[in-house]
Amino acid sequence: MYKEIYNEDYFNGKNSFFYKFGYKDTPLIWNFMRNEIEKACIGRKRILDIGCAYGYFLQALGNRFDKYGADVSEHAIRTARRNSGSGKFVLCDAENGLPFGKGYFDIVTMFDVTEHIISPDALIKNAKAVLKKSGLLLISTPNNNLLRKTIFKIPDKLEHHCSLLSKEQITDILGNNGFKIIGFHTAFVFMNRYYKSESGILPQMTLLARKT
């Protein structure tokens, strides 16, 4: 099912909303996420970006990390391999498992992924399996609060968002899977500026969690 939705037309914005406006290749967002990771870890680390799309975030990391990307879209993986200088990219449905050994990664990232997955709980379980003990999980996903429901109700439907979560819901999923949240903020990107709030008011949320 996922492969049929996330094809070339999706990434080109023909049957999606946010990609149409260049969201996925906004350097502002990727640079902010890179800084979040660099503040939380020291030394060369092995990182997996689930739902890597064209690999823009991994490109933004530079050469400090051993970089891996996973995506369910054949088109996205082909493009990421062409774009990438050093990353390794695999085609897989992360909700049903990841082709890596237990504890293989220091860091796993998921940017705008959980909302596309029927079972975010299964996805988080699989991410945990490939993370080392005390490894980091960085998630960015829509914050299903009143503002989100008001502003993005139609765009969320166009974007095939099937699992919109509140802060409380994703916190429960992470906690039940053995993660401790060590960082949280909500955000909104407007006019090429990244607005950040420690409260739950803005329509996008980012969580940094550690495997316990």
N, C-alpha and C. Protein backbone atom coordinates (compact mmCIF):
# COMPACT_ATOMS: atom_id res chain seq x y z
N MET A 1 0.82 -1.21 0.00
CA MET A 1 0.00 0.00 0.00
C MET A 1 0.86 1.26 0.00
N TYR A 2 1.88 1.31 0.89
CA TYR A 2 2.71 2.50 0.99
C TYR A 2 3.44 2.79 -0.32
N LYS A 3 3.93 1.73 -0.99
CA LYS A 3 4.68 1.93 -2.22
C LYS A 3 3.81 2.56 -3.31
N GLU A 4 2.52 2.24 -3.29
CA GLU A 4 1.61 2.81 -4.28
C GLU A 4 1.38 4.30 -4.04
N ILE A 5 1.39 4.71 -2.78
CA ILE A 5 1.14 6.11 -2.44
C ILE A 5 2.38 6.97 -2.64
N TYR A 6 3.53 6.47 -2.13
CA TYR A 6 4.74 7.30 -2.09
C TYR A 6 5.63 7.03 -3.31
N ASN A 7 5.07 7.39 -4.45
CA ASN A 7 5.76 7.21 -5.72
C ASN A 7 6.32 8.55 -6.20
N GLU A 8 6.75 8.60 -7.43
CA GLU A 8 7.35 9.82 -7.96
C GLU A 8 6.38 10.99 -7.94
N ASP A 9 5.10 10.73 -8.23
CA ASP A 9 4.11 11.81 -8.22
C ASP A 9 3.97 12.44 -6.84
N TYR A 10 4.07 11.62 -5.80
CA TYR A 10 3.99 12.15 -4.44
C TYR A 10 5.14 13.12 -4.17
N PHE A 11 6.35 12.69 -4.48
CA PHE A 11 7.52 13.53 -4.18
C PHE A 11 7.60 14.76 -5.07
N ASN A 12 6.94 14.71 -6.23
CA ASN A 12 6.91 15.88 -7.11
C ASN A 12 5.74 16.80 -6.81
N GLY A 13 4.93 16.44 -5.81
CA GLY A 13 3.83 17.30 -5.39
C GLY A 13 2.55 17.15 -6.18
N LYS A 14 2.46 16.13 -7.05
CA LYS A 14 1.25 15.97 -7.86
C LYS A 14 0.10 15.39 -7.04
N ASN A 15 0.40 14.54 -6.06
CA ASN A 15 -0.66 14.00 -5.21
C ASN A 15 -0.31 14.17 -3.73
N SER A 16 0.33 15.30 -3.43
CA SER A 16 0.67 15.61 -2.04
C SER A 16 0.60 17.12 -1.86
N PHE A 17 0.68 17.56 -0.62
CA PHE A 17 0.56 18.99 -0.33
C PHE A 17 1.89 19.62 0.04
N PHE A 18 2.52 19.13 1.09
CA PHE A 18 3.71 19.80 1.61
C PHE A 18 4.89 19.72 0.65
N TYR A 19 5.05 18.61 -0.06
CA TYR A 19 6.15 18.51 -1.00
C TYR A 19 6.01 19.53 -2.12
N LYS A 20 4.78 19.89 -2.43
CA LYS A 20 4.53 20.86 -3.49
C LYS A 20 5.18 22.21 -3.19
N PHE A 21 5.36 22.49 -1.91
CA PHE A 21 5.93 23.76 -1.50
C PHE A 21 7.40 23.63 -1.10
N GLY A 22 8.03 22.53 -1.48
CA GLY A 22 9.46 22.38 -1.26
C GLY A 22 9.84 22.12 0.18
N TYR A 23 8.91 21.62 0.97
CA TYR A 23 9.16 21.44 2.40
C TYR A 23 10.34 20.53 2.67
N LYS A 24 10.45 19.47 1.93
CA LYS A 24 11.45 18.46 2.26
C LYS A 24 12.87 18.90 1.95
N ASP A 25 13.06 19.89 1.14
CA ASP A 25 14.45 20.29 0.88
C ASP A 25 14.73 21.69 1.45
N THR A 26 14.04 22.05 2.53
CA THR A 26 14.28 23.33 3.17
C THR A 26 15.51 23.25 4.04
N PRO A 27 16.60 23.90 3.66
CA PRO A 27 17.84 23.81 4.45
C PRO A 27 17.65 24.28 5.89
N LEU A 28 16.75 25.23 6.10
CA LEU A 28 16.48 25.74 7.44
C LEU A 28 16.13 24.62 8.41
N ILE A 29 15.26 23.72 7.98
CA ILE A 29 14.80 22.64 8.85
C ILE A 29 15.91 21.64 9.10
N TRP A 30 16.59 21.24 8.04
CA TRP A 30 17.63 20.21 8.20
C TRP A 30 18.80 20.73 9.03
N ASN A 31 19.14 21.98 8.88
CA ASN A 31 20.23 22.54 9.69
C ASN A 31 19.85 22.58 11.16
N PHE A 32 18.59 22.89 11.44
CA PHE A 32 18.15 22.90 12.83
C PHE A 32 18.22 21.50 13.42
N MET A 33 17.75 20.49 12.69
CA MET A 33 17.77 19.12 13.18
C MET A 33 19.20 18.62 13.36
N ARG A 34 20.07 18.99 12.45
CA ARG A 34 21.48 18.62 12.58
C ARG A 34 22.06 19.18 13.87
N ASN A 35 21.75 20.43 14.17
CA ASN A 35 22.24 21.05 15.39
C ASN A 35 21.72 20.34 16.63
N GLU A 36 20.46 19.88 16.58
CA GLU A 36 19.89 19.15 17.71
C GLU A 36 20.70 17.88 17.99
N ILE A 37 21.07 17.18 16.93
CA ILE A 37 21.83 15.94 17.09
C ILE A 37 23.25 16.23 17.55
N GLU A 38 23.87 17.22 16.97
CA GLU A 38 25.26 17.53 17.32
C GLU A 38 25.39 17.97 18.77
N LYS A 39 24.35 18.61 19.30
CA LYS A 39 24.38 19.02 20.71
C LYS A 39 24.24 17.82 21.64
N ALA A 40 23.61 16.75 21.15
CA ALA A 40 23.29 15.61 22.01
C ALA A 40 24.32 14.49 21.96
N CYS A 41 25.27 14.53 21.03
CA CYS A 41 26.22 13.43 20.92
C CYS A 41 27.62 13.95 20.62
N ILE A 42 28.61 13.14 20.98
CA ILE A 42 30.01 13.49 20.79
C ILE A 42 30.69 12.38 19.99
N GLY A 43 31.54 12.78 19.06
CA GLY A 43 32.29 11.79 18.29
C GLY A 43 31.54 11.31 17.06
N ARG A 44 32.19 10.45 16.30
CA ARG A 44 31.60 9.92 15.06
C ARG A 44 30.56 8.86 15.41
N LYS A 45 29.36 9.00 14.90
CA LYS A 45 28.26 8.11 15.23
C LYS A 45 27.65 7.52 13.96
N ARG A 46 26.98 6.39 14.16
CA ARG A 46 26.25 5.75 13.05
C ARG A 46 24.78 6.13 13.17
N ILE A 47 24.23 6.69 12.11
CA ILE A 47 22.88 7.24 12.15
C ILE A 47 22.02 6.65 11.05
N LEU A 48 20.75 6.38 11.37
CA LEU A 48 19.76 5.90 10.41
C LEU A 48 18.62 6.91 10.33
N ASP A 49 18.32 7.37 9.12
CA ASP A 49 17.18 8.25 8.89
C ASP A 49 16.07 7.44 8.25
N ILE A 50 15.02 7.14 9.02
CA ILE A 50 13.87 6.38 8.51
C ILE A 50 12.93 7.34 7.79
N GLY A 51 12.51 6.95 6.58
CA GLY A 51 11.72 7.86 5.75
C GLY A 51 12.60 8.95 5.18
N CYS A 52 13.75 8.55 4.69
CA CYS A 52 14.80 9.50 4.29
C CYS A 52 14.46 10.29 3.04
N ALA A 53 13.46 9.82 2.26
CA ALA A 53 13.09 10.50 1.02
C ALA A 53 14.32 10.67 0.11
N TYR A 54 14.62 11.88 -0.31
CA TYR A 54 15.74 12.11 -1.22
C TYR A 54 17.09 12.24 -0.51
N GLY A 55 17.09 12.04 0.80
CA GLY A 55 18.35 12.07 1.54
C GLY A 55 18.86 13.45 1.90
N TYR A 56 17.97 14.45 1.87
CA TYR A 56 18.40 15.83 2.14
C TYR A 56 18.98 15.99 3.54
N PHE A 57 18.34 15.37 4.53
CA PHE A 57 18.86 15.53 5.90
C PHE A 57 20.24 14.90 6.04
N LEU A 58 20.43 13.72 5.48
CA LEU A 58 21.73 13.07 5.58
C LEU A 58 22.81 13.89 4.87
N GLN A 59 22.44 14.53 3.78
CA GLN A 59 23.40 15.42 3.11
C GLN A 59 23.79 16.58 4.03
N ALA A 60 22.82 17.10 4.78
CA ALA A 60 23.09 18.24 5.66
C ALA A 60 24.03 17.87 6.80
N LEU A 61 24.15 16.59 7.12
CA LEU A 61 25.01 16.16 8.21
C LEU A 61 26.50 16.26 7.89
N GLY A 62 26.84 16.32 6.61
CA GLY A 62 28.25 16.35 6.25
C GLY A 62 28.91 15.01 6.46
N ASN A 63 30.18 15.01 6.84
CA ASN A 63 30.96 13.76 6.93
C ASN A 63 31.23 13.29 8.35
N ARG A 64 30.58 13.91 9.31
CA ARG A 64 30.85 13.54 10.70
C ARG A 64 30.25 12.19 11.09
N PHE A 65 29.19 11.77 10.38
CA PHE A 65 28.45 10.56 10.74
C PHE A 65 28.61 9.48 9.68
N ASP A 66 28.45 8.21 10.11
CA ASP A 66 28.25 7.11 9.18
C ASP A 66 26.76 7.06 8.90
N LYS A 67 26.37 7.38 7.67
CA LYS A 67 24.97 7.71 7.37
C LYS A 67 24.26 6.59 6.62
N TYR A 68 23.05 6.27 7.10
CA TYR A 68 22.18 5.29 6.46
C TYR A 68 20.79 5.89 6.31
N GLY A 69 20.13 5.57 5.20
CA GLY A 69 18.77 6.01 4.99
C GLY A 69 17.89 4.85 4.59
N ALA A 70 16.63 4.89 5.02
CA ALA A 70 15.66 3.85 4.67
C ALA A 70 14.36 4.52 4.22
N ASP A 71 13.76 3.97 3.18
CA ASP A 71 12.49 4.51 2.71
C ASP A 71 11.72 3.40 1.99
N VAL A 72 10.40 3.52 1.98
CA VAL A 72 9.55 2.54 1.32
C VAL A 72 9.41 2.83 -0.17
N SER A 73 9.83 4.01 -0.61
CA SER A 73 9.67 4.44 -2.00
C SER A 73 10.90 4.10 -2.84
N GLU A 74 10.71 3.30 -3.87
CA GLU A 74 11.81 2.97 -4.78
C GLU A 74 12.34 4.22 -5.46
N HIS A 75 11.44 5.10 -5.87
CA HIS A 75 11.85 6.34 -6.52
C HIS A 75 12.72 7.18 -5.58
N ALA A 76 12.31 7.30 -4.32
CA ALA A 76 13.07 8.11 -3.37
C ALA A 76 14.46 7.53 -3.13
N ILE A 77 14.54 6.22 -2.98
CA ILE A 77 15.84 5.58 -2.73
C ILE A 77 16.77 5.74 -3.92
N ARG A 78 16.25 5.58 -5.13
CA ARG A 78 17.08 5.78 -6.33
C ARG A 78 17.63 7.20 -6.36
N THR A 79 16.77 8.16 -6.08
CA THR A 79 17.19 9.56 -6.10
C THR A 79 18.19 9.86 -5.00
N ALA A 80 17.95 9.33 -3.81
CA ALA A 80 18.88 9.55 -2.69
C ALA A 80 20.26 8.99 -3.01
N ARG A 81 20.30 7.84 -3.64
CA ARG A 81 21.60 7.24 -4.00
C ARG A 81 22.34 8.11 -5.01
N ARG A 82 21.60 8.72 -5.93
CA ARG A 82 22.24 9.61 -6.90
C ARG A 82 22.74 10.89 -6.23
N ASN A 83 21.96 11.38 -5.28
CA ASN A 83 22.30 12.65 -4.64
C ASN A 83 23.41 12.53 -3.60
N SER A 84 23.53 11.35 -3.01
CA SER A 84 24.39 11.21 -1.84
C SER A 84 25.83 10.95 -2.23
N GLY A 85 26.73 11.54 -1.46
CA GLY A 85 28.14 11.27 -1.68
C GLY A 85 28.66 10.12 -0.86
N SER A 86 28.06 9.88 0.32
CA SER A 86 28.62 8.87 1.21
C SER A 86 27.60 8.00 1.92
N GLY A 87 26.32 8.34 1.86
CA GLY A 87 25.32 7.57 2.59
C GLY A 87 25.01 6.23 1.95
N LYS A 88 24.47 5.32 2.75
CA LYS A 88 24.00 4.01 2.28
C LYS A 88 22.48 4.00 2.42
N PHE A 89 21.78 3.59 1.37
CA PHE A 89 20.33 3.68 1.35
C PHE A 89 19.70 2.33 1.06
N VAL A 90 18.65 2.00 1.84
CA VAL A 90 17.99 0.71 1.69
C VAL A 90 16.49 0.92 1.48
N LEU A 91 15.92 0.06 0.65
CA LEU A 91 14.48 0.07 0.40
C LEU A 91 13.82 -0.89 1.38
N CYS A 92 12.94 -0.37 2.23
CA CYS A 92 12.25 -1.25 3.18
C CYS A 92 11.04 -0.54 3.76
N ASP A 93 10.11 -1.34 4.28
CA ASP A 93 8.95 -0.85 5.00
C ASP A 93 9.28 -0.94 6.49
N ALA A 94 9.69 0.17 7.07
CA ALA A 94 10.19 0.17 8.45
C ALA A 94 9.14 -0.22 9.47
N GLU A 95 7.87 -0.10 9.12
CA GLU A 95 6.81 -0.51 10.03
C GLU A 95 6.84 -2.02 10.26
N ASN A 96 7.34 -2.75 9.26
CA ASN A 96 7.38 -4.21 9.34
C ASN A 96 8.77 -4.76 9.60
N GLY A 97 9.73 -3.91 9.88
CA GLY A 97 11.07 -4.38 10.21
C GLY A 97 12.15 -3.62 9.46
N LEU A 98 13.35 -3.64 10.04
CA LEU A 98 14.51 -2.97 9.44
C LEU A 98 15.63 -3.98 9.22
N PRO A 99 16.31 -3.93 8.08
CA PRO A 99 17.32 -4.93 7.73
C PRO A 99 18.69 -4.66 8.36
N PHE A 100 18.69 -4.45 9.66
CA PHE A 100 19.93 -4.19 10.38
C PHE A 100 19.93 -4.99 11.68
N GLY A 101 21.12 -5.25 12.20
CA GLY A 101 21.23 -6.01 13.43
C GLY A 101 20.82 -5.21 14.65
N LYS A 102 20.61 -5.91 15.75
CA LYS A 102 20.24 -5.26 17.01
C LYS A 102 21.36 -4.34 17.48
N GLY A 103 20.98 -3.17 17.91
CA GLY A 103 21.94 -2.23 18.46
C GLY A 103 22.97 -1.71 17.47
N TYR A 104 22.60 -1.63 16.19
CA TYR A 104 23.55 -1.25 15.15
C TYR A 104 23.80 0.26 15.10
N PHE A 105 22.81 1.05 15.52
CA PHE A 105 22.90 2.50 15.35
C PHE A 105 23.00 3.24 16.68
N ASP A 106 23.68 4.36 16.64
CA ASP A 106 23.74 5.28 17.78
C ASP A 106 22.54 6.22 17.79
N ILE A 107 22.06 6.55 16.60
CA ILE A 107 20.98 7.53 16.45
C ILE A 107 20.02 7.06 15.36
N VAL A 108 18.72 7.21 15.61
CA VAL A 108 17.70 7.00 14.58
C VAL A 108 16.85 8.27 14.50
N THR A 109 16.58 8.72 13.29
CA THR A 109 15.74 9.89 13.09
C THR A 109 14.52 9.53 12.25
N MET A 110 13.43 10.22 12.51
CA MET A 110 12.19 10.08 11.72
C MET A 110 11.58 11.47 11.59
N PHE A 111 11.63 12.03 10.43
CA PHE A 111 11.06 13.36 10.21
C PHE A 111 9.82 13.24 9.34
N ASP A 112 8.67 13.55 9.93
CA ASP A 112 7.39 13.48 9.21
C ASP A 112 7.15 12.07 8.67
N VAL A 113 7.28 11.10 9.54
CA VAL A 113 7.10 9.69 9.17
C VAL A 113 5.95 9.05 9.94
N THR A 114 5.91 9.21 11.26
CA THR A 114 4.93 8.47 12.06
C THR A 114 3.50 8.75 11.64
N GLU A 115 3.22 9.95 11.14
CA GLU A 115 1.86 10.28 10.74
C GLU A 115 1.42 9.54 9.48
N HIS A 116 2.37 8.98 8.74
CA HIS A 116 2.06 8.23 7.52
C HIS A 116 1.90 6.73 7.78
N ILE A 117 2.14 6.29 9.01
CA ILE A 117 2.21 4.88 9.34
C ILE A 117 0.95 4.44 10.06
N ILE A 118 0.40 3.29 9.68
CA ILE A 118 -0.81 2.78 10.34
C ILE A 118 -0.54 2.48 11.81
N SER A 119 0.63 1.91 12.10
CA SER A 119 0.98 1.57 13.48
C SER A 119 2.28 2.26 13.90
N PRO A 120 2.21 3.49 14.40
CA PRO A 120 3.43 4.13 14.91
C PRO A 120 4.11 3.32 16.00
N ASP A 121 3.34 2.58 16.79
CA ASP A 121 3.91 1.75 17.84
C ASP A 121 4.86 0.70 17.26
N ALA A 122 4.45 0.05 16.17
CA ALA A 122 5.32 -0.94 15.53
C ALA A 122 6.58 -0.30 14.98
N LEU A 123 6.46 0.88 14.43
CA LEU A 123 7.62 1.60 13.90
C LEU A 123 8.61 1.93 15.02
N ILE A 124 8.10 2.41 16.15
CA ILE A 124 8.97 2.75 17.28
C ILE A 124 9.65 1.50 17.82
N LYS A 125 8.94 0.39 17.88
CA LYS A 125 9.53 -0.88 18.33
C LYS A 125 10.70 -1.27 17.44
N ASN A 126 10.53 -1.14 16.14
CA ASN A 126 11.59 -1.52 15.20
C ASN A 126 12.78 -0.57 15.29
N ALA A 127 12.51 0.70 15.53
CA ALA A 127 13.61 1.65 15.73
C ALA A 127 14.39 1.31 16.99
N LYS A 128 13.68 0.95 18.04
CA LYS A 128 14.35 0.58 19.29
C LYS A 128 15.27 -0.62 19.09
N ALA A 129 14.82 -1.59 18.30
CA ALA A 129 15.60 -2.81 18.10
C ALA A 129 16.96 -2.54 17.49
N VAL A 130 17.06 -1.55 16.61
CA VAL A 130 18.34 -1.30 15.93
C VAL A 130 19.18 -0.23 16.64
N LEU A 131 18.65 0.32 17.73
CA LEU A 131 19.39 1.32 18.50
C LEU A 131 20.23 0.66 19.60
N LYS A 132 21.41 1.20 19.82
CA LYS A 132 22.22 0.78 20.95
C LYS A 132 21.57 1.22 22.26
N LYS A 133 21.96 0.60 23.35
CA LYS A 133 21.49 1.06 24.66
C LYS A 133 21.95 2.50 24.86
N SER A 134 21.06 3.32 25.33
CA SER A 134 21.27 4.76 25.50
C SER A 134 21.34 5.50 24.17
N GLY A 135 20.97 4.82 23.07
CA GLY A 135 20.92 5.47 21.77
C GLY A 135 19.81 6.51 21.70
N LEU A 136 19.93 7.42 20.73
CA LEU A 136 19.00 8.54 20.62
C LEU A 136 18.00 8.35 19.48
N LEU A 137 16.76 8.75 19.73
CA LEU A 137 15.71 8.75 18.73
C LEU A 137 15.18 10.17 18.61
N LEU A 138 15.28 10.74 17.40
CA LEU A 138 14.80 12.10 17.14
C LEU A 138 13.61 12.02 16.19
N ILE A 139 12.47 12.50 16.65
CA ILE A 139 11.23 12.43 15.88
C ILE A 139 10.66 13.83 15.68
N SER A 140 10.24 14.11 14.45
CA SER A 140 9.46 15.30 14.18
C SER A 140 8.17 14.85 13.50
N THR A 141 7.03 15.32 14.00
CA THR A 141 5.74 14.87 13.50
C THR A 141 4.69 15.94 13.78
N PRO A 142 3.58 15.96 13.06
CA PRO A 142 2.54 16.93 13.37
C PRO A 142 2.07 16.83 14.82
N ASN A 143 1.81 17.97 15.41
CA ASN A 143 1.27 18.05 16.77
C ASN A 143 -0.24 18.20 16.65
N ASN A 144 -0.97 17.14 16.93
CA ASN A 144 -2.40 17.12 16.66
C ASN A 144 -3.18 17.87 17.74
N ASN A 145 -2.93 19.17 17.80
CA ASN A 145 -3.63 20.03 18.75
C ASN A 145 -4.69 20.85 18.01
N LEU A 146 -5.32 21.76 18.72
CA LEU A 146 -6.40 22.55 18.12
C LEU A 146 -5.91 23.38 16.95
N LEU A 147 -4.73 24.00 17.08
CA LEU A 147 -4.19 24.82 15.99
C LEU A 147 -3.96 23.97 14.75
N ARG A 148 -3.38 22.79 14.94
CA ARG A 148 -3.13 21.90 13.80
C ARG A 148 -4.45 21.53 13.11
N LYS A 149 -5.43 21.15 13.89
CA LYS A 149 -6.71 20.73 13.32
C LYS A 149 -7.39 21.87 12.58
N THR A 150 -7.16 23.10 13.04
CA THR A 150 -7.79 24.26 12.41
C THR A 150 -7.10 24.65 11.11
N ILE A 151 -5.77 24.70 11.12
CA ILE A 151 -5.02 25.21 9.97
C ILE A 151 -4.78 24.14 8.91
N PHE A 152 -4.49 22.91 9.35
CA PHE A 152 -3.99 21.89 8.43
C PHE A 152 -4.95 20.72 8.22
N LYS A 153 -6.22 20.90 8.54
CA LYS A 153 -7.17 19.79 8.40
C LYS A 153 -7.19 19.23 6.98
N ILE A 154 -7.34 20.10 6.00
CA ILE A 154 -7.39 19.65 4.60
C ILE A 154 -6.01 19.21 4.10
N PRO A 155 -4.94 20.00 4.33
CA PRO A 155 -3.61 19.54 3.91
C PRO A 155 -3.21 18.19 4.49
N ASP A 156 -3.57 17.93 5.75
CA ASP A 156 -3.23 16.64 6.35
C ASP A 156 -3.91 15.49 5.62
N LYS A 157 -5.13 15.71 5.16
CA LYS A 157 -5.81 14.67 4.38
C LYS A 157 -5.13 14.48 3.03
N LEU A 158 -4.77 15.57 2.38
CA LEU A 158 -4.10 15.49 1.08
C LEU A 158 -2.75 14.81 1.19
N GLU A 159 -2.12 14.90 2.34
CA GLU A 159 -0.78 14.36 2.54
C GLU A 159 -0.80 12.91 3.00
N HIS A 160 -2.01 12.29 3.06
CA HIS A 160 -2.15 10.88 3.46
C HIS A 160 -1.72 10.66 4.90
N HIS A 161 -2.02 11.60 5.78
CA HIS A 161 -1.70 11.45 7.20
C HIS A 161 -2.78 10.61 7.87
N CYS A 162 -2.42 9.41 8.30
CA CYS A 162 -3.40 8.49 8.87
C CYS A 162 -3.23 8.30 10.37
N SER A 163 -2.13 8.79 10.95
CA SER A 163 -1.89 8.61 12.39
C SER A 163 -1.38 9.92 13.01
N LEU A 164 -2.27 10.88 13.09
CA LEU A 164 -1.92 12.15 13.72
C LEU A 164 -2.00 11.98 15.24
N LEU A 165 -0.93 12.34 15.93
CA LEU A 165 -0.82 12.09 17.36
C LEU A 165 -0.70 13.38 18.15
N SER A 166 -1.22 13.36 19.36
CA SER A 166 -0.99 14.45 20.30
C SER A 166 0.32 14.20 21.04
N LYS A 167 0.78 15.21 21.76
CA LYS A 167 1.99 15.03 22.57
C LYS A 167 1.81 13.89 23.56
N GLU A 168 0.64 13.81 24.18
CA GLU A 168 0.38 12.77 25.17
C GLU A 168 0.42 11.38 24.54
N GLN A 169 -0.13 11.26 23.34
CA GLN A 169 -0.16 9.95 22.68
C GLN A 169 1.24 9.47 22.30
N ILE A 170 2.05 10.33 21.70
CA ILE A 170 3.38 9.89 21.29
C ILE A 170 4.28 9.70 22.51
N THR A 171 4.05 10.48 23.57
CA THR A 171 4.79 10.27 24.81
C THR A 171 4.51 8.89 25.38
N ASP A 172 3.24 8.47 25.35
CA ASP A 172 2.88 7.14 25.84
C ASP A 172 3.52 6.05 25.00
N ILE A 173 3.51 6.21 23.68
CA ILE A 173 4.12 5.20 22.80
C ILE A 173 5.60 5.07 23.09
N LEU A 174 6.28 6.18 23.22
CA LEU A 174 7.72 6.15 23.50
C LEU A 174 7.99 5.52 24.86
N GLY A 175 7.24 5.92 25.87
CA GLY A 175 7.44 5.37 27.20
C GLY A 175 7.19 3.88 27.27
N ASN A 176 6.13 3.42 26.60
CA ASN A 176 5.80 2.00 26.60
C ASN A 176 6.85 1.16 25.87
N ASN A 177 7.65 1.80 25.02
CA ASN A 177 8.69 1.10 24.28
C ASN A 177 10.09 1.33 24.86
N GLY A 178 10.14 1.85 26.06
CA GLY A 178 11.43 1.96 26.74
C GLY A 178 12.26 3.17 26.37
N PHE A 179 11.61 4.28 26.03
CA PHE A 179 12.32 5.52 25.73
C PHE A 179 12.01 6.57 26.79
N LYS A 180 13.01 7.36 27.11
CA LYS A 180 12.84 8.50 28.00
C LYS A 180 13.01 9.78 27.20
N ILE A 181 12.02 10.64 27.23
CA ILE A 181 12.09 11.90 26.49
C ILE A 181 13.03 12.86 27.21
N ILE A 182 14.02 13.36 26.47
CA ILE A 182 14.99 14.29 27.05
C ILE A 182 14.92 15.68 26.41
N GLY A 183 14.08 15.82 25.40
CA GLY A 183 13.92 17.12 24.75
C GLY A 183 12.59 17.19 24.02
N PHE A 184 11.92 18.34 24.08
CA PHE A 184 10.64 18.51 23.39
C PHE A 184 10.44 19.98 23.06
N HIS A 185 9.96 20.24 21.85
CA HIS A 185 9.47 21.57 21.51
C HIS A 185 8.48 21.46 20.37
N THR A 186 7.66 22.48 20.21
CA THR A 186 6.80 22.58 19.04
C THR A 186 7.34 23.68 18.14
N ALA A 187 6.94 23.63 16.87
CA ALA A 187 7.54 24.56 15.90
C ALA A 187 6.56 24.89 14.79
N PHE A 188 6.91 25.94 14.07
CA PHE A 188 6.16 26.36 12.89
C PHE A 188 7.13 27.10 11.98
N VAL A 189 7.18 26.70 10.72
CA VAL A 189 8.05 27.36 9.75
C VAL A 189 7.21 28.31 8.90
N PHE A 190 7.61 29.58 8.87
CA PHE A 190 6.87 30.58 8.11
C PHE A 190 7.84 31.64 7.61
N MET A 191 7.74 31.95 6.32
CA MET A 191 8.58 32.98 5.70
C MET A 191 10.07 32.70 5.96
N ASN A 192 10.43 31.43 5.80
CA ASN A 192 11.82 30.99 5.94
C ASN A 192 12.39 31.26 7.34
N ARG A 193 11.52 31.20 8.34
CA ARG A 193 11.96 31.30 9.73
C ARG A 193 11.41 30.12 10.51
N TYR A 194 12.22 29.62 11.43
CA TYR A 194 11.83 28.47 12.26
C TYR A 194 11.42 29.00 13.63
N TYR A 195 10.11 29.02 13.87
CA TYR A 195 9.59 29.49 15.16
C TYR A 195 9.47 28.31 16.11
N LYS A 196 10.04 28.44 17.28
CA LYS A 196 10.13 27.34 18.24
C LYS A 196 9.50 27.73 19.56
N SER A 197 8.78 26.79 20.18
CA SER A 197 8.18 27.03 21.49
C SER A 197 8.32 25.78 22.34
N GLU A 198 8.65 25.97 23.62
CA GLU A 198 8.74 24.83 24.54
C GLU A 198 7.36 24.35 24.95
N SER A 199 6.34 25.13 24.69
CA SER A 199 4.97 24.73 25.00
C SER A 199 4.44 23.83 23.89
N GLY A 200 3.21 23.38 24.03
CA GLY A 200 2.62 22.51 23.01
C GLY A 200 1.74 23.24 22.04
N ILE A 201 1.96 24.55 21.85
CA ILE A 201 1.00 25.37 21.11
C ILE A 201 1.14 25.28 19.59
N LEU A 202 2.35 25.07 19.06
CA LEU A 202 2.57 25.14 17.62
C LEU A 202 2.26 23.81 16.93
N PRO A 203 2.04 23.81 15.60
CA PRO A 203 1.47 22.64 14.93
C PRO A 203 2.42 21.50 14.58
N GLN A 204 3.70 21.65 14.82
CA GLN A 204 4.66 20.58 14.58
C GLN A 204 5.42 20.33 15.88
N MET A 205 5.70 19.06 16.19
CA MET A 205 6.45 18.80 17.42
C MET A 205 7.68 17.95 17.13
N THR A 206 8.72 18.21 17.90
CA THR A 206 9.97 17.47 17.80
C THR A 206 10.31 16.91 19.18
N LEU A 207 10.62 15.62 19.21
CA LEU A 207 10.95 14.95 20.47
C LEU A 207 12.29 14.26 20.33
N LEU A 208 13.14 14.43 21.32
CA LEU A 208 14.40 13.71 21.41
C LEU A 208 14.29 12.75 22.58
N ALA A 209 14.49 11.46 22.32
CA ALA A 209 14.32 10.44 23.36
C ALA A 209 15.55 9.53 23.41
N ARG A 210 15.80 9.00 24.60
CA ARG A 210 16.93 8.10 24.79
C ARG A 210 16.43 6.70 25.14
N LYS A 211 17.01 5.69 24.50
CA LYS A 211 16.67 4.30 24.81
C LYS A 211 17.22 3.94 26.18
N THR A 212 16.34 3.42 27.04
CA THR A 212 16.76 3.09 28.40
C THR A 212 17.08 1.60 28.54
